[in-house]
Amino acid sequence: MAEKSYVPPKGGEVRRLRELAGLSLKQAAEIYGITVPSWSKRESEGVSHIPLNPVEYTYLQLLADDHPELTLSKK
């Protein structure tokens, strides 16, 4: 069985998820341990776009409560 290849989200999707999670650019950058300009490149649609890796994307989906299969819950 072939495994699915990962297709990173485009910048607009990253922005949509961040906003859905209620995070500012600064908060998102802090959560991911990067600078605000670096996070902005993840939301960029241009040549400066830096794609999220699969773990970063899954985490952002969970923070936004927008993952197709998983959800976060308190212990």
PDB file of N, CA and C in Angstrom:
ATOM      1  N   MET A   1       0.839  -1.174   0.000  1.00  0.00           N
ATOM      2  CA  MET A   1       0.000   0.000   0.000  1.00  0.00           C
ATOM      3  C   MET A   1       0.888   1.242   0.000  1.00  0.00           C
ATOM      4  N   ALA A   2       0.676   2.123  -0.937  1.00  0.00           N
ATOM      5  CA  ALA A   2       1.484   3.332  -1.038  1.00  0.00           C
ATOM      6  C   ALA A   2       1.015   4.358  -0.015  1.00  0.00           C
ATOM      7  N   GLU A   3       1.994   5.013   0.622  1.00  0.00           N
ATOM      8  CA  GLU A   3       1.601   6.039   1.579  1.00  0.00           C
ATOM      9  C   GLU A   3       1.421   7.373   0.865  1.00  0.00           C
ATOM     10  N   LYS A   4       0.562   8.200   1.424  1.00  0.00           N
ATOM     11  CA  LYS A   4       0.288   9.502   0.820  1.00  0.00           C
ATOM     12  C   LYS A   4       1.532  10.381   0.913  1.00  0.00           C
ATOM     13  N   SER A   5       1.784  11.135  -0.143  1.00  0.00           N
ATOM     14  CA  SER A   5       2.884  12.087  -0.064  1.00  0.00           C
ATOM     15  C   SER A   5       2.352  13.385   0.541  1.00  0.00           C
ATOM     16  N   TYR A   6       3.177  14.019   1.321  1.00  0.00           N
ATOM     17  CA  TYR A   6       2.787  15.242   2.016  1.00  0.00           C
ATOM     18  C   TYR A   6       2.804  16.423   1.059  1.00  0.00           C
ATOM     19  N   VAL A   7       1.726  17.172   1.052  1.00  0.00           N
ATOM     20  CA  VAL A   7       1.640  18.410   0.277  1.00  0.00           C
ATOM     21  C   VAL A   7       1.485  19.538   1.294  1.00  0.00           C
ATOM     22  N   PRO A   8       2.515  20.365   1.457  1.00  0.00           N
ATOM     23  CA  PRO A   8       2.424  21.427   2.462  1.00  0.00           C
ATOM     24  C   PRO A   8       1.357  22.458   2.111  1.00  0.00           C
ATOM     25  N   PRO A   9       0.759  23.068   3.132  1.00  0.00           N
ATOM     26  CA  PRO A   9      -0.273  24.073   2.876  1.00  0.00           C
ATOM     27  C   PRO A   9       0.330  25.346   2.293  1.00  0.00           C
ATOM     28  N   LYS A  10      -0.459  26.037   1.495  1.00  0.00           N
ATOM     29  CA  LYS A  10      -0.036  27.335   0.963  1.00  0.00           C
ATOM     30  C   LYS A  10      -0.152  28.380   2.070  1.00  0.00           C
ATOM     31  N   GLY A  11       0.463  29.511   1.842  1.00  0.00           N
ATOM     32  CA  GLY A  11       0.488  30.568   2.849  1.00  0.00           C
ATOM     33  C   GLY A  11      -0.878  31.012   3.328  1.00  0.00           C
ATOM     34  N   GLY A  12      -1.834  31.096   2.421  1.00  0.00           N
ATOM     35  CA  GLY A  12      -3.180  31.514   2.803  1.00  0.00           C
ATOM     36  C   GLY A  12      -3.843  30.543   3.764  1.00  0.00           C
ATOM     37  N   GLU A  13      -3.578  29.257   3.590  1.00  0.00           N
ATOM     38  CA  GLU A  13      -4.125  28.244   4.499  1.00  0.00           C
ATOM     39  C   GLU A  13      -3.463  28.354   5.868  1.00  0.00           C
ATOM     40  N   VAL A  14      -2.172  28.609   5.896  1.00  0.00           N
ATOM     41  CA  VAL A  14      -1.466  28.785   7.169  1.00  0.00           C
ATOM     42  C   VAL A  14      -2.058  29.986   7.909  1.00  0.00           C
ATOM     43  N   ARG A  15      -2.266  31.076   7.211  1.00  0.00           N
ATOM     44  CA  ARG A  15      -2.862  32.278   7.812  1.00  0.00           C
ATOM     45  C   ARG A  15      -4.273  31.981   8.320  1.00  0.00           C
ATOM     46  N   ARG A  16      -5.070  31.294   7.524  1.00  0.00           N
ATOM     47  CA  ARG A  16      -6.444  30.953   7.919  1.00  0.00           C
ATOM     48  C   ARG A  16      -6.445  30.153   9.215  1.00  0.00           C
ATOM     49  N   LEU A  17      -5.567  29.153   9.305  1.00  0.00           N
ATOM     50  CA  LEU A  17      -5.511  28.317  10.503  1.00  0.00           C
ATOM     51  C   LEU A  17      -5.032  29.109  11.718  1.00  0.00           C
ATOM     52  N   ARG A  18      -4.023  29.966  11.519  1.00  0.00           N
ATOM     53  CA  ARG A  18      -3.538  30.788  12.635  1.00  0.00           C
ATOM     54  C   ARG A  18      -4.658  31.678  13.158  1.00  0.00           C
ATOM     55  N   GLU A  19      -5.370  32.314  12.258  1.00  0.00           N
ATOM     56  CA  GLU A  19      -6.471  33.190  12.667  1.00  0.00           C
ATOM     57  C   GLU A  19      -7.600  32.397  13.318  1.00  0.00           C
ATOM     58  N   LEU A  20      -7.889  31.218  12.792  1.00  0.00           N
ATOM     59  CA  LEU A  20      -8.920  30.358  13.374  1.00  0.00           C
ATOM     60  C   LEU A  20      -8.543  29.943  14.799  1.00  0.00           C
ATOM     61  N   ALA A  21      -7.244  29.754  15.027  1.00  0.00           N
ATOM     62  CA  ALA A  21      -6.749  29.402  16.362  1.00  0.00           C
ATOM     63  C   ALA A  21      -6.733  30.606  17.300  1.00  0.00           C
ATOM     64  N   GLY A  22      -7.001  31.804  16.756  1.00  0.00           N
ATOM     65  CA  GLY A  22      -7.019  33.005  17.583  1.00  0.00           C
ATOM     66  C   GLY A  22      -5.633  33.506  17.946  1.00  0.00           C
ATOM     67  N   LEU A  23      -4.651  33.207  17.112  1.00  0.00           N
ATOM     68  CA  LEU A  23      -3.269  33.579  17.399  1.00  0.00           C
ATOM     69  C   LEU A  23      -2.836  34.792  16.585  1.00  0.00           C
ATOM     70  N   SER A  24      -2.064  35.656  17.214  1.00  0.00           N
ATOM     71  CA  SER A  24      -1.427  36.751  16.487  1.00  0.00           C
ATOM     72  C   SER A  24      -0.171  36.194  15.811  1.00  0.00           C
ATOM     73  N   LEU A  25       0.414  36.987  14.925  1.00  0.00           N
ATOM     74  CA  LEU A  25       1.682  36.571  14.313  1.00  0.00           C
ATOM     75  C   LEU A  25       2.726  36.308  15.396  1.00  0.00           C
ATOM     76  N   LYS A  26       2.803  37.204  16.375  1.00  0.00           N
ATOM     77  CA  LYS A  26       3.785  37.068  17.453  1.00  0.00           C
ATOM     78  C   LYS A  26       3.546  35.793  18.262  1.00  0.00           C
ATOM     79  N   GLN A  27       2.302  35.514  18.598  1.00  0.00           N
ATOM     80  CA  GLN A  27       1.997  34.308  19.373  1.00  0.00           C
ATOM     81  C   GLN A  27       2.362  33.047  18.596  1.00  0.00           C
ATOM     82  N   ALA A  28       2.027  33.004  17.318  1.00  0.00           N
ATOM     83  CA  ALA A  28       2.362  31.834  16.504  1.00  0.00           C
ATOM     84  C   ALA A  28       3.867  31.647  16.440  1.00  0.00           C
ATOM     85  N   ALA A  29       4.591  32.736  16.227  1.00  0.00           N
ATOM     86  CA  ALA A  29       6.051  32.654  16.168  1.00  0.00           C
ATOM     87  C   ALA A  29       6.618  32.131  17.485  1.00  0.00           C
ATOM     88  N   GLU A  30       6.093  32.611  18.606  1.00  0.00           N
ATOM     89  CA  GLU A  30       6.567  32.159  19.915  1.00  0.00           C
ATOM     90  C   GLU A  30       6.290  30.679  20.133  1.00  0.00           C
ATOM     91  N   ILE A  31       5.111  30.223  19.773  1.00  0.00           N
ATOM     92  CA  ILE A  31       4.756  28.810  19.937  1.00  0.00           C
ATOM     93  C   ILE A  31       5.707  27.918  19.154  1.00  0.00           C
ATOM     94  N   TYR A  32       6.069  28.353  17.958  1.00  0.00           N
ATOM     95  CA  TYR A  32       6.934  27.556  17.091  1.00  0.00           C
ATOM     96  C   TYR A  32       8.417  27.838  17.314  1.00  0.00           C
ATOM     97  N   GLY A  33       8.730  28.768  18.207  1.00  0.00           N
ATOM     98  CA  GLY A  33      10.122  29.057  18.539  1.00  0.00           C
ATOM     99  C   GLY A  33      10.901  29.733  17.424  1.00  0.00           C
ATOM    100  N   ILE A  34      10.213  30.589  16.663  1.00  0.00           N
ATOM    101  CA  ILE A  34      10.857  31.296  15.558  1.00  0.00           C
ATOM    102  C   ILE A  34      10.532  32.782  15.654  1.00  0.00           C
ATOM    103  N   THR A  35      11.143  33.574  14.797  1.00  0.00           N
ATOM    104  CA  THR A  35      10.881  35.012  14.786  1.00  0.00           C
ATOM    105  C   THR A  35       9.599  35.322  14.014  1.00  0.00           C
ATOM    106  N   VAL A  36       9.054  36.505  14.248  1.00  0.00           N
ATOM    107  CA  VAL A  36       7.861  36.932  13.513  1.00  0.00           C
ATOM    108  C   VAL A  36       8.133  36.976  12.006  1.00  0.00           C
ATOM    109  N   PRO A  37       9.277  37.525  11.554  1.00  0.00           N
ATOM    110  CA  PRO A  37       9.539  37.499  10.107  1.00  0.00           C
ATOM    111  C   PRO A  37       9.595  36.075   9.533  1.00  0.00           C
ATOM    112  N   SER A  38      10.132  35.133  10.301  1.00  0.00           N
ATOM    113  CA  SER A  38      10.167  33.741   9.833  1.00  0.00           C
ATOM    114  C   SER A  38       8.763  33.163   9.732  1.00  0.00           C
ATOM    115  N   TRP A  39       7.913  33.478  10.716  1.00  0.00           N
ATOM    116  CA  TRP A  39       6.530  32.993  10.643  1.00  0.00           C
ATOM    117  C   TRP A  39       5.813  33.622   9.455  1.00  0.00           C
ATOM    118  N   SER A  40       6.046  34.899   9.230  1.00  0.00           N
ATOM    119  CA  SER A  40       5.407  35.591   8.105  1.00  0.00           C
ATOM    120  C   SER A  40       5.739  34.927   6.777  1.00  0.00           C
ATOM    121  N   LYS A  41       6.936  34.377   6.666  1.00  0.00           N
ATOM    122  CA  LYS A  41       7.322  33.672   5.438  1.00  0.00           C
ATOM    123  C   LYS A  41       6.515  32.390   5.262  1.00  0.00           C
ATOM    124  N   ARG A  42       6.033  31.824   6.341  1.00  0.00           N
ATOM    125  CA  ARG A  42       5.191  30.630   6.243  1.00  0.00           C
ATOM    126  C   ARG A  42       3.793  30.992   5.732  1.00  0.00           C
ATOM    127  N   GLU A  43       3.401  32.248   5.943  1.00  0.00           N
ATOM    128  CA  GLU A  43       2.106  32.729   5.454  1.00  0.00           C
ATOM    129  C   GLU A  43       2.218  33.409   4.092  1.00  0.00           C
ATOM    130  N   SER A  44       3.418  33.540   3.604  1.00  0.00           N
ATOM    131  CA  SER A  44       3.655  34.212   2.327  1.00  0.00           C
ATOM    132  C   SER A  44       3.219  33.340   1.156  1.00  0.00           C
ATOM    133  N   GLU A  45       2.779  33.976   0.090  1.00  0.00           N
ATOM    134  CA  GLU A  45       2.415  33.261  -1.141  1.00  0.00           C
ATOM    135  C   GLU A  45       3.513  33.394  -2.195  1.00  0.00           C
ATOM    136  N   GLY A  46       4.521  34.196  -1.918  1.00  0.00           N
ATOM    137  CA  GLY A  46       5.551  34.485  -2.910  1.00  0.00           C
ATOM    138  C   GLY A  46       6.742  33.543  -2.844  1.00  0.00           C
ATOM    139  N   VAL A  47       7.819  33.973  -3.476  1.00  0.00           N
ATOM    140  CA  VAL A  47       9.025  33.148  -3.545  1.00  0.00           C
ATOM    141  C   VAL A  47       9.694  32.994  -2.186  1.00  0.00           C
ATOM    142  N   SER A  48       9.372  33.875  -1.234  1.00  0.00           N
ATOM    143  CA  SER A  48       9.967  33.771   0.099  1.00  0.00           C
ATOM    144  C   SER A  48       9.230  32.771   0.997  1.00  0.00           C
ATOM    145  N   HIS A  49       8.175  32.131   0.475  1.00  0.00           N
ATOM    146  CA  HIS A  49       7.375  31.176   1.260  1.00  0.00           C
ATOM    147  C   HIS A  49       8.237  30.047   1.811  1.00  0.00           C
ATOM    148  N   ILE A  50       8.080  29.787   3.108  1.00  0.00           N
ATOM    149  CA  ILE A  50       8.726  28.645   3.758  1.00  0.00           C
ATOM    150  C   ILE A  50       7.604  27.685   4.148  1.00  0.00           C
ATOM    151  N   PRO A  51       7.581  26.469   3.591  1.00  0.00           N
ATOM    152  CA  PRO A  51       6.488  25.546   3.904  1.00  0.00           C
ATOM    153  C   PRO A  51       6.585  24.971   5.320  1.00  0.00           C
ATOM    154  N   LEU A  52       5.433  24.692   5.902  1.00  0.00           N
ATOM    155  CA  LEU A  52       5.390  23.981   7.178  1.00  0.00           C
ATOM    156  C   LEU A  52       5.721  22.521   6.930  1.00  0.00           C
ATOM    157  N   ASN A  53       6.462  21.915   7.869  1.00  0.00           N
ATOM    158  CA  ASN A  53       6.680  20.474   7.754  1.00  0.00           C
ATOM    159  C   ASN A  53       5.426  19.765   8.276  1.00  0.00           C
ATOM    160  N   PRO A  54       5.302  18.465   8.072  1.00  0.00           N
ATOM    161  CA  PRO A  54       4.067  17.762   8.463  1.00  0.00           C
ATOM    162  C   PRO A  54       3.694  17.913   9.939  1.00  0.00           C
ATOM    163  N   VAL A  55       4.674  17.892  10.828  1.00  0.00           N
ATOM    164  CA  VAL A  55       4.374  18.015  12.258  1.00  0.00           C
ATOM    165  C   VAL A  55       3.885  19.428  12.580  1.00  0.00           C
ATOM    166  N   GLU A  56       4.540  20.439  12.009  1.00  0.00           N
ATOM    167  CA  GLU A  56       4.108  21.824  12.226  1.00  0.00           C
ATOM    168  C   GLU A  56       2.683  22.041  11.724  1.00  0.00           C
ATOM    169  N   TYR A  57       2.381  21.480  10.571  1.00  0.00           N
ATOM    170  CA  TYR A  57       1.046  21.631   9.985  1.00  0.00           C
ATOM    171  C   TYR A  57      -0.012  20.940  10.846  1.00  0.00           C
ATOM    172  N   THR A  58       0.265  19.726  11.272  1.00  0.00           N
ATOM    173  CA  THR A  58      -0.679  18.997  12.122  1.00  0.00           C
ATOM    174  C   THR A  58      -0.928  19.751  13.423  1.00  0.00           C
ATOM    175  N   TYR A  59       0.133  20.266  14.034  1.00  0.00           N
ATOM    176  CA  TYR A  59      -0.014  21.011  15.281  1.00  0.00           C
ATOM    177  C   TYR A  59      -0.876  22.257  15.078  1.00  0.00           C
ATOM    178  N   LEU A  60      -0.652  22.971  13.988  1.00  0.00           N
ATOM    179  CA  LEU A  60      -1.454  24.162  13.708  1.00  0.00           C
ATOM    180  C   LEU A  60      -2.920  23.789  13.483  1.00  0.00           C
ATOM    181  N   GLN A  61      -3.164  22.695  12.794  1.00  0.00           N
ATOM    182  CA  GLN A  61      -4.546  22.228  12.608  1.00  0.00           C
ATOM    183  C   GLN A  61      -5.187  21.914  13.960  1.00  0.00           C
ATOM    184  N   LEU A  62      -4.437  21.289  14.857  1.00  0.00           N
ATOM    185  CA  LEU A  62      -4.963  20.960  16.181  1.00  0.00           C
ATOM    186  C   LEU A  62      -5.249  22.220  16.990  1.00  0.00           C
ATOM    187  N   LEU A  63      -4.336  23.185  16.940  1.00  0.00           N
ATOM    188  CA  LEU A  63      -4.556  24.442  17.655  1.00  0.00           C
ATOM    189  C   LEU A  63      -5.805  25.156  17.156  1.00  0.00           C
ATOM    190  N   ALA A  64      -6.072  25.032  15.860  1.00  0.00           N
ATOM    191  CA  ALA A  64      -7.241  25.682  15.251  1.00  0.00           C
ATOM    192  C   ALA A  64      -8.499  24.827  15.346  1.00  0.00           C
ATOM    193  N   ASP A  65      -8.381  23.630  15.922  1.00  0.00           N
ATOM    194  CA  ASP A  65      -9.486  22.665  15.980  1.00  0.00           C
ATOM    195  C   ASP A  65     -10.034  22.423  14.576  1.00  0.00           C
ATOM    196  N   ASP A  66      -9.110  22.192  13.632  1.00  0.00           N
ATOM    197  CA  ASP A  66      -9.482  22.025  12.230  1.00  0.00           C
ATOM    198  C   ASP A  66      -8.824  20.783  11.618  1.00  0.00           C
ATOM    199  N   HIS A  67      -8.404  19.848  12.464  1.00  0.00           N
ATOM    200  CA  HIS A  67      -7.797  18.617  11.944  1.00  0.00           C
ATOM    201  C   HIS A  67      -8.915  17.658  11.543  1.00  0.00           C
ATOM    202  N   PRO A  68      -8.769  16.970  10.405  1.00  0.00           N
ATOM    203  CA  PRO A  68      -9.853  16.096   9.942  1.00  0.00           C
ATOM    204  C   PRO A  68     -10.100  14.866  10.814  1.00  0.00           C
ATOM    205  N   GLU A  69      -9.109  14.457  11.624  1.00  0.00           N
ATOM    206  CA  GLU A  69      -9.275  13.230  12.405  1.00  0.00           C
ATOM    207  C   GLU A  69      -8.994  13.383  13.894  1.00  0.00           C
ATOM    208  N   LEU A  70      -8.158  14.341  14.278  1.00  0.00           N
ATOM    209  CA  LEU A  70      -7.698  14.450  15.657  1.00  0.00           C
ATOM    210  C   LEU A  70      -8.223  15.714  16.316  1.00  0.00           C
ATOM    211  N   THR A  71      -8.233  15.695  17.650  1.00  0.00           N
ATOM    212  CA  THR A  71      -8.629  16.870  18.414  1.00  0.00           C
ATOM    213  C   THR A  71      -7.796  16.928  19.683  1.00  0.00           C
ATOM    214  N   LEU A  72      -7.571  18.114  20.199  1.00  0.00           N
ATOM    215  CA  LEU A  72      -6.874  18.280  21.469  1.00  0.00           C
ATOM    216  C   LEU A  72      -7.887  18.203  22.600  1.00  0.00           C
ATOM    217  N   SER A  73      -7.454  17.646  23.719  1.00  0.00           N
ATOM    218  CA  SER A  73      -8.317  17.628  24.895  1.00  0.00           C
ATOM    219  C   SER A  73      -7.454  17.761  26.139  1.00  0.00           C
ATOM    220  N   LYS A  74      -8.039  18.287  27.191  1.00  0.00           N
ATOM    221  CA  LYS A  74      -7.326  18.424  28.455  1.00  0.00           C
ATOM    222  C   LYS A  74      -7.256  17.080  29.141  1.00  0.00           C
ATOM    223  N   LYS A  75      -6.208  16.894  29.924  1.00  0.00           N
ATOM    224  CA  LYS A  75      -6.067  15.661  30.706  1.00  0.00           C
ATOM    225  C   LYS A  75      -7.057  15.661  31.834  1.00  0.00           C
TER     226      LYS A  75
END
